[in-house]
Amino acid sequence: RPARSVRGAHAPAGRPAGMYARNPLIKVVSLIPVFAVVGLFCFEWYVYNVVFVLSQMETWVGSSLYLNLARTSMFNALWLLAAWSYARSSLTDPGLVPDEWLNFVREMDTLGQERSSSHHGWHTRGATLCNHCQHKRPERAHHCSICGRCVMRMDHHCPWIGNCVGFKNHKYFILMTFYGMLACGCFVLTAVPQVKGLLFGTVRTRQVLGYGASARELMMFSLAAVLAASFSLALGALFISHCWLLMTNLTSIEVGYFGRNPYSLGIRENAQQVMGRFDVSWLLPIPSSQPLSDGLAFPSKDMGSTSSRPADEETCPIGRRVDAHDDV
């Protein structure tokens, strides 16, 4: 039977647009931290633009007008990119194993082709049997005990997005941490004079810096600044850790594997496995314009393994491996 390719590995129609857990109760509970994060996004935007900017606009004169307009525009642009990335990482199918692949593997099983059972370690020779859901799954796929599903190139389940982080939304998750870190940092840096004056200034200084703002609004501003500083550090640490995973072609699960990583092909090639071929789409939470994999199969540097050769019906019947130097 000729090999087939699944470029998008789309989930079947009828699956929800988000909250991909099988258990309805878990779907509902997963909404609680998501609503909390959405509320935090709205709170930071409101405090910066309504409490901070509007109360200070009358003091913007001369050259400071352009500086304040620039930093306000920068914060809102970064906030929008962070919120967009968050929505994509939360609502996007994380990489559920497509039914077409499962059906094809079942057909191969009827022909007597064997698949190995899963174990803790590297798998570079096609499909394995999940010990939890008893379904076949492609290489680097793992079972999420919370969602009750196998996810292609699964990294972890994140309760704050109410979703798994897998092959199809890992890029959006990385961008969310990046733009979230920058937006929070921009909030803090552009408000340093006000925060410093409110905390350590004289009564007259506080009155000038808090022009037009009530005591309640000043408290909200101080709270928002503290939250922004805290989340800037937390998201920064998360972003750095996932950049390291990206450059080494690892997931949070695979970090615990022993032995040499067979999928590490070099920093650029490793990053392109998740982000796609390098172009402007790396900076936006949109699907890659030139993906190098469909999540079902990945190139390997083990030249003796099946992963180092183009996909065929014996190794990964409908997987798609593309060498980083080949044209798409």
Protein backbone atom coordinates (compact mmCIF):
# COMPACT_ATOMS: atom_id res chain seq x y z
CA ARG A 1 0.00 0.00 0.00
CA PRO A 2 1.51 3.40 -0.94
CA ALA A 3 2.53 5.80 1.81
CA ARG A 4 0.22 8.70 2.54
CA SER A 5 0.95 12.07 4.11
CA VAL A 6 -1.11 14.02 6.62
CA ARG A 7 0.07 17.61 6.57
CA GLY A 8 -2.19 19.11 9.16
CA ALA A 9 -3.06 16.07 11.23
CA HIS A 10 -6.39 17.74 11.93
CA ALA A 11 -8.66 16.51 14.67
CA PRO A 12 -11.94 15.13 13.34
CA ALA A 13 -14.92 17.41 13.00
CA GLY A 14 -17.14 17.47 16.04
CA ARG A 15 -14.40 17.86 18.63
CA PRO A 16 -14.77 21.01 20.72
CA ALA A 17 -12.78 24.15 19.97
CA GLY A 18 -11.12 23.92 23.37
CA MET A 19 -11.03 21.98 26.64
CA TYR A 20 -10.03 18.69 25.02
CA ALA A 21 -10.42 16.47 28.10
CA ARG A 22 -12.74 13.48 27.75
CA ASN A 23 -14.29 13.91 31.20
CA PRO A 24 -16.98 16.67 31.18
CA LEU A 25 -16.25 17.49 34.84
CA ILE A 26 -12.58 18.12 34.07
CA LYS A 27 -13.64 20.38 31.19
CA VAL A 28 -15.67 22.50 33.59
CA VAL A 29 -13.00 22.59 36.31
CA SER A 30 -10.39 23.52 33.69
CA LEU A 31 -12.32 26.72 33.02
CA ILE A 32 -11.65 28.08 36.54
CA PRO A 33 -7.92 28.89 36.12
CA VAL A 34 -8.58 29.99 32.53
CA PHE A 35 -11.14 32.57 33.70
CA ALA A 36 -8.66 33.67 36.39
CA VAL A 37 -5.97 34.31 33.77
CA VAL A 38 -8.41 36.10 31.47
CA GLY A 39 -9.46 38.27 34.43
CA LEU A 40 -5.81 39.07 35.11
CA PHE A 41 -5.30 40.10 31.48
CA CYS A 42 -8.31 42.42 31.68
CA PHE A 43 -7.26 43.82 35.07
CA GLU A 44 -3.75 44.73 33.85
CA TRP A 45 -5.13 46.35 30.69
CA TYR A 46 -7.73 48.35 32.62
CA VAL A 47 -5.29 49.60 35.25
CA TYR A 48 -2.65 50.61 32.72
CA ASN A 49 -4.91 52.32 30.20
CA VAL A 50 -7.74 53.67 32.37
CA VAL A 51 -6.20 54.20 35.80
CA PHE A 52 -2.64 55.05 34.78
CA VAL A 53 -2.74 56.57 31.28
CA LEU A 54 -5.97 58.54 31.53
CA SER A 55 -5.05 60.01 34.90
CA GLN A 56 -1.67 61.16 33.56
CA MET A 57 -2.54 62.38 30.07
CA GLU A 58 -3.08 65.99 31.13
CA THR A 59 0.54 66.10 32.33
CA TRP A 60 1.91 64.95 28.97
CA VAL A 61 3.31 68.09 27.37
CA GLY A 62 6.13 68.81 24.98
CA SER A 63 8.53 65.99 24.18
CA SER A 64 7.09 63.78 26.93
CA LEU A 65 3.87 63.50 24.92
CA TYR A 66 5.56 61.44 22.19
CA LEU A 67 7.47 59.30 24.69
CA ASN A 68 4.34 58.47 26.64
CA LEU A 69 2.36 57.73 23.47
CA ALA A 70 5.15 55.41 22.30
CA ARG A 71 5.31 53.42 25.53
CA THR A 72 1.52 53.22 25.78
CA SER A 73 1.37 51.90 22.22
CA MET A 74 4.14 49.42 23.02
CA PHE A 75 2.33 48.06 26.07
CA ASN A 76 -0.95 47.62 24.21
CA ALA A 77 0.75 45.93 21.25
CA LEU A 78 2.57 43.48 23.54
CA TRP A 79 -0.61 42.92 25.58
CA LEU A 80 -2.55 42.12 22.40
CA LEU A 81 0.10 39.67 21.19
CA ALA A 82 0.21 38.00 24.62
CA ALA A 83 -3.59 37.69 24.78
CA TRP A 84 -3.71 36.39 21.19
CA SER A 85 -1.02 33.79 21.95
CA TYR A 86 -2.83 32.76 25.13
CA ALA A 87 -6.10 32.25 23.27
CA ARG A 88 -4.40 30.17 20.59
CA SER A 89 -2.53 27.98 23.09
CA SER A 90 -5.73 27.44 25.11
CA LEU A 91 -8.20 26.82 22.27
CA THR A 92 -6.02 25.04 19.72
CA ASP A 93 -6.02 21.28 19.41
CA PRO A 94 -2.72 20.40 21.17
CA GLY A 95 -2.06 17.56 18.75
CA LEU A 96 -4.58 14.78 19.34
CA VAL A 97 -3.68 11.72 17.30
CA PRO A 98 -5.79 11.98 14.11
CA ASP A 99 -8.37 9.28 13.47
CA GLU A 100 -7.03 8.75 9.95
CA TRP A 101 -3.70 7.65 11.40
CA LEU A 102 -5.36 5.39 13.97
CA ASN A 103 -7.52 3.76 11.29
CA PHE A 104 -4.55 3.17 9.05
CA VAL A 105 -2.54 1.58 11.86
CA ARG A 106 -5.47 -0.73 12.63
CA GLU A 107 -5.48 -1.77 8.99
CA MET A 108 -1.77 -2.52 9.19
CA ASP A 109 -2.37 -4.57 12.33
CA THR A 110 -4.85 -6.76 10.46
CA LEU A 111 -2.05 -7.49 8.01
CA GLY A 112 0.11 -8.73 10.85
CA GLN A 113 2.42 -5.73 11.29
CA GLU A 114 3.50 -5.54 14.94
CA ARG A 115 3.87 -2.47 17.13
CA SER A 116 5.95 -2.40 20.30
CA SER A 117 4.51 -1.53 23.70
CA SER A 118 5.48 1.77 25.29
CA HIS A 119 8.17 2.20 27.94
CA HIS A 120 9.97 5.10 29.59
CA GLY A 121 12.57 6.09 27.03
CA TRP A 122 13.20 6.97 23.41
CA HIS A 123 11.04 5.46 20.66
CA THR A 124 12.33 6.03 17.12
CA ARG A 125 10.79 3.07 15.34
CA GLY A 126 7.20 3.97 14.60
CA ALA A 127 4.01 3.43 16.58
CA THR A 128 3.76 2.08 20.12
CA LEU A 129 0.83 0.90 22.21
CA CYS A 130 -0.39 3.29 24.92
CA ASN A 131 -0.66 1.45 28.23
CA HIS A 132 -3.50 3.74 29.38
CA CYS A 133 -5.99 4.05 26.52
CA GLN A 134 -4.82 0.88 24.72
CA HIS A 135 -4.55 2.67 21.37
CA LYS A 136 -1.60 2.93 19.04
CA ARG A 137 0.24 6.23 19.02
CA PRO A 138 3.09 7.71 16.95
CA GLU A 139 6.61 8.33 18.18
CA ARG A 140 7.05 11.05 20.84
CA ALA A 141 3.31 10.98 21.65
CA HIS A 142 2.31 10.63 25.31
CA HIS A 143 -0.85 10.05 27.28
CA CYS A 144 -2.26 12.92 29.34
CA SER A 145 -3.88 11.53 32.47
CA ILE A 146 -5.94 14.70 32.93
CA CYS A 147 -7.32 14.93 29.40
CA GLY A 148 -7.47 11.14 29.02
CA ARG A 149 -6.00 11.35 25.51
CA CYS A 150 -2.70 10.78 23.74
CA VAL A 151 -1.09 13.98 22.44
CA MET A 152 1.56 14.17 19.71
CA ARG A 153 4.93 15.41 20.99
CA MET A 154 3.33 16.21 24.34
CA ASP A 155 5.26 18.57 26.61
CA HIS A 156 2.98 18.92 29.64
CA HIS A 157 -0.57 19.69 30.72
CA CYS A 158 -0.92 23.33 31.72
CA PRO A 159 -3.91 24.08 33.99
CA TRP A 160 -3.53 27.83 33.33
CA ILE A 161 -4.48 27.40 29.69
CA GLY A 162 -6.85 24.50 30.42
CA ASN A 163 -5.12 22.43 27.77
CA CYS A 164 -2.15 20.22 27.03
CA VAL A 165 0.93 21.72 25.44
CA GLY A 166 1.71 19.53 22.46
CA PHE A 167 2.96 19.55 18.90
CA LYS A 168 0.28 21.87 17.50
CA ASN A 169 0.21 24.55 20.20
CA HIS A 170 3.74 24.49 21.71
CA LYS A 171 4.71 27.42 19.48
CA TYR A 172 1.76 29.46 20.77
CA PHE A 173 2.67 28.61 24.38
CA ILE A 174 6.25 29.83 23.88
CA LEU A 175 5.01 33.07 22.29
CA MET A 176 2.56 33.55 25.17
CA THR A 177 5.40 33.39 27.72
CA PHE A 178 7.54 35.72 25.58
CA TYR A 179 4.96 38.43 24.94
CA GLY A 180 3.49 38.08 28.42
CA MET A 181 6.94 38.65 29.92
CA LEU A 182 7.50 41.72 27.72
CA ALA A 183 4.05 43.19 28.39
CA CYS A 184 4.45 42.84 32.16
CA GLY A 185 7.98 44.24 31.96
CA CYS A 186 6.73 47.18 29.92
CA PHE A 187 4.03 47.87 32.52
CA VAL A 188 6.60 47.99 35.31
CA LEU A 189 9.31 49.95 33.48
CA THR A 190 6.99 52.63 32.14
CA ALA A 191 5.47 53.09 35.59
CA VAL A 192 8.70 53.10 37.63
CA PRO A 193 8.57 56.86 38.42
CA GLN A 194 4.99 56.57 39.64
CA VAL A 195 5.65 53.44 41.71
CA LYS A 196 8.81 54.93 43.20
CA GLY A 197 7.07 58.20 44.02
CA LEU A 198 4.01 56.50 45.51
CA LEU A 199 6.16 54.28 47.74
CA PHE A 200 9.01 56.60 48.72
CA GLY A 201 7.99 60.13 47.70
CA THR A 202 6.65 63.02 49.74
CA VAL A 203 2.98 63.86 50.08
CA ARG A 204 3.34 66.53 47.41
CA THR A 205 5.05 64.05 45.05
CA ARG A 206 2.27 61.52 45.55
CA GLN A 207 -0.32 64.17 44.79
CA VAL A 208 1.44 65.14 41.54
CA LEU A 209 2.03 61.55 40.42
CA GLY A 210 -1.49 60.53 41.37
CA TYR A 211 -3.09 63.48 39.59
CA GLY A 212 -6.73 62.70 38.91
CA ALA A 213 -6.62 59.30 40.61
CA SER A 214 -8.54 58.31 43.72
CA ALA A 215 -7.06 56.36 46.62
CA ARG A 216 -8.81 53.24 45.35
CA GLU A 217 -7.28 53.67 41.90
CA LEU A 218 -3.81 54.20 43.37
CA MET A 219 -4.19 50.95 45.30
CA MET A 220 -5.26 49.18 42.13
CA PHE A 221 -2.27 50.61 40.28
CA SER A 222 0.15 49.48 43.00
CA LEU A 223 -1.35 45.99 43.03
CA ALA A 224 -1.20 45.74 39.24
CA ALA A 225 2.45 46.85 39.24
CA VAL A 226 3.38 44.19 41.81
CA LEU A 227 1.53 41.51 39.86
CA ALA A 228 3.16 42.62 36.61
CA ALA A 229 6.63 42.46 38.16
CA SER A 230 5.96 39.00 39.59
CA PHE A 231 4.55 37.58 36.37
CA SER A 232 7.34 39.13 34.32
CA LEU A 233 9.89 37.14 36.33
CA ALA A 234 7.82 33.94 36.30
CA LEU A 235 7.07 34.08 32.58
CA GLY A 236 10.69 35.01 31.88
CA ALA A 237 11.92 31.88 33.65
CA LEU A 238 9.34 29.77 31.82
CA PHE A 239 10.30 31.30 28.47
CA ILE A 240 14.01 30.62 29.01
CA SER A 241 13.34 26.99 29.99
CA HIS A 242 11.21 26.39 26.89
CA CYS A 243 13.79 28.07 24.67
CA TRP A 244 16.28 25.54 25.98
CA LEU A 245 13.85 22.72 25.24
CA LEU A 246 13.28 24.17 21.78
CA MET A 247 17.00 24.38 20.96
CA THR A 248 17.72 20.86 22.21
CA ASN A 249 14.59 19.33 20.61
CA LEU A 250 13.26 18.00 23.91
CA THR A 251 9.97 18.08 25.73
CA SER A 252 9.50 18.39 29.47
CA ILE A 253 8.73 14.66 29.52
CA GLU A 254 11.79 13.69 27.48
CA VAL A 255 14.14 15.59 29.79
CA GLY A 256 13.90 12.59 32.11
CA TYR A 257 14.97 10.10 29.45
CA PHE A 258 18.40 8.52 29.69
CA GLY A 259 20.82 8.29 26.81
CA ARG A 260 21.55 10.48 23.81
CA ASN A 261 18.66 12.41 22.27
CA PRO A 262 18.21 10.90 18.79
CA TYR A 263 16.13 13.87 17.60
CA SER A 264 18.68 16.63 18.25
CA LEU A 265 19.90 17.84 14.85
CA GLY A 266 21.36 21.25 15.74
CA ILE A 267 19.86 24.40 17.22
CA ARG A 268 18.25 25.76 14.05
CA GLU A 269 16.91 22.41 12.86
CA ASN A 270 15.61 21.62 16.34
CA ALA A 271 13.73 24.91 16.60
CA GLN A 272 12.22 24.45 13.15
CA GLN A 273 10.63 21.17 14.24
CA VAL A 274 8.24 23.20 16.42
CA MET A 275 8.25 26.65 14.83
CA GLY A 276 8.46 25.66 11.17
CA ARG A 277 10.95 26.99 8.65
CA PHE A 278 12.30 30.35 9.82
CA ASP A 279 10.22 33.31 8.64
CA VAL A 280 8.06 36.09 10.06
CA SER A 281 5.45 33.57 11.26
CA TRP A 282 7.84 32.70 14.12
CA LEU A 283 6.80 35.98 15.76
CA LEU A 284 3.04 35.54 15.41
CA PRO A 285 0.64 33.00 16.98
CA ILE A 286 -0.38 31.60 13.59
CA PRO A 287 0.31 28.20 12.01
CA SER A 288 3.72 27.94 10.39
CA SER A 289 3.70 28.74 6.69
CA GLN A 290 6.28 25.99 6.09
CA PRO A 291 5.94 23.19 8.69
CA LEU A 292 8.66 20.56 8.73
CA SER A 293 6.59 17.83 10.39
CA ASP A 294 3.01 16.84 10.99
CA GLY A 295 3.70 15.52 14.50
CA LEU A 296 3.42 11.88 13.45
CA ALA A 297 7.09 11.37 12.56
CA PHE A 298 10.33 13.24 13.14
CA PRO A 299 13.80 13.13 11.57
CA SER A 300 16.52 11.48 13.60
CA LYS A 301 20.31 11.61 13.49
CA ASP A 302 20.48 7.86 14.08
CA MET A 303 21.26 6.91 10.51
CA GLY A 304 20.71 3.27 11.32
CA SER A 305 17.21 3.84 12.62
CA THR A 306 14.00 4.00 10.63
CA SER A 307 13.53 7.63 11.69
CA SER A 308 16.50 8.75 9.60
CA ARG A 309 14.87 7.59 6.35
CA PRO A 310 11.85 8.99 4.51
CA ALA A 311 8.55 7.68 5.79
CA ASP A 312 7.24 4.52 4.19
CA GLU A 313 4.47 2.04 4.87
CA GLU A 314 6.64 -0.05 7.18
CA THR A 315 7.87 2.66 9.54
CA CYS A 316 5.25 5.39 9.71
CA PRO A 317 2.59 4.85 7.03
CA ILE A 318 1.09 8.33 6.98
CA GLY A 319 3.70 10.31 8.86
CA ARG A 320 5.63 13.11 7.22
CA ARG A 321 9.31 13.71 7.84
CA VAL A 322 11.00 16.60 6.06
CA ASP A 323 14.72 17.21 6.23
CA ALA A 324 15.56 20.73 7.37
CA HIS A 325 17.55 21.33 4.17
CA ASP A 326 14.91 20.07 1.74
CA ASP A 327 12.48 22.38 -0.01
CA VAL A 328 8.86 22.16 1.11
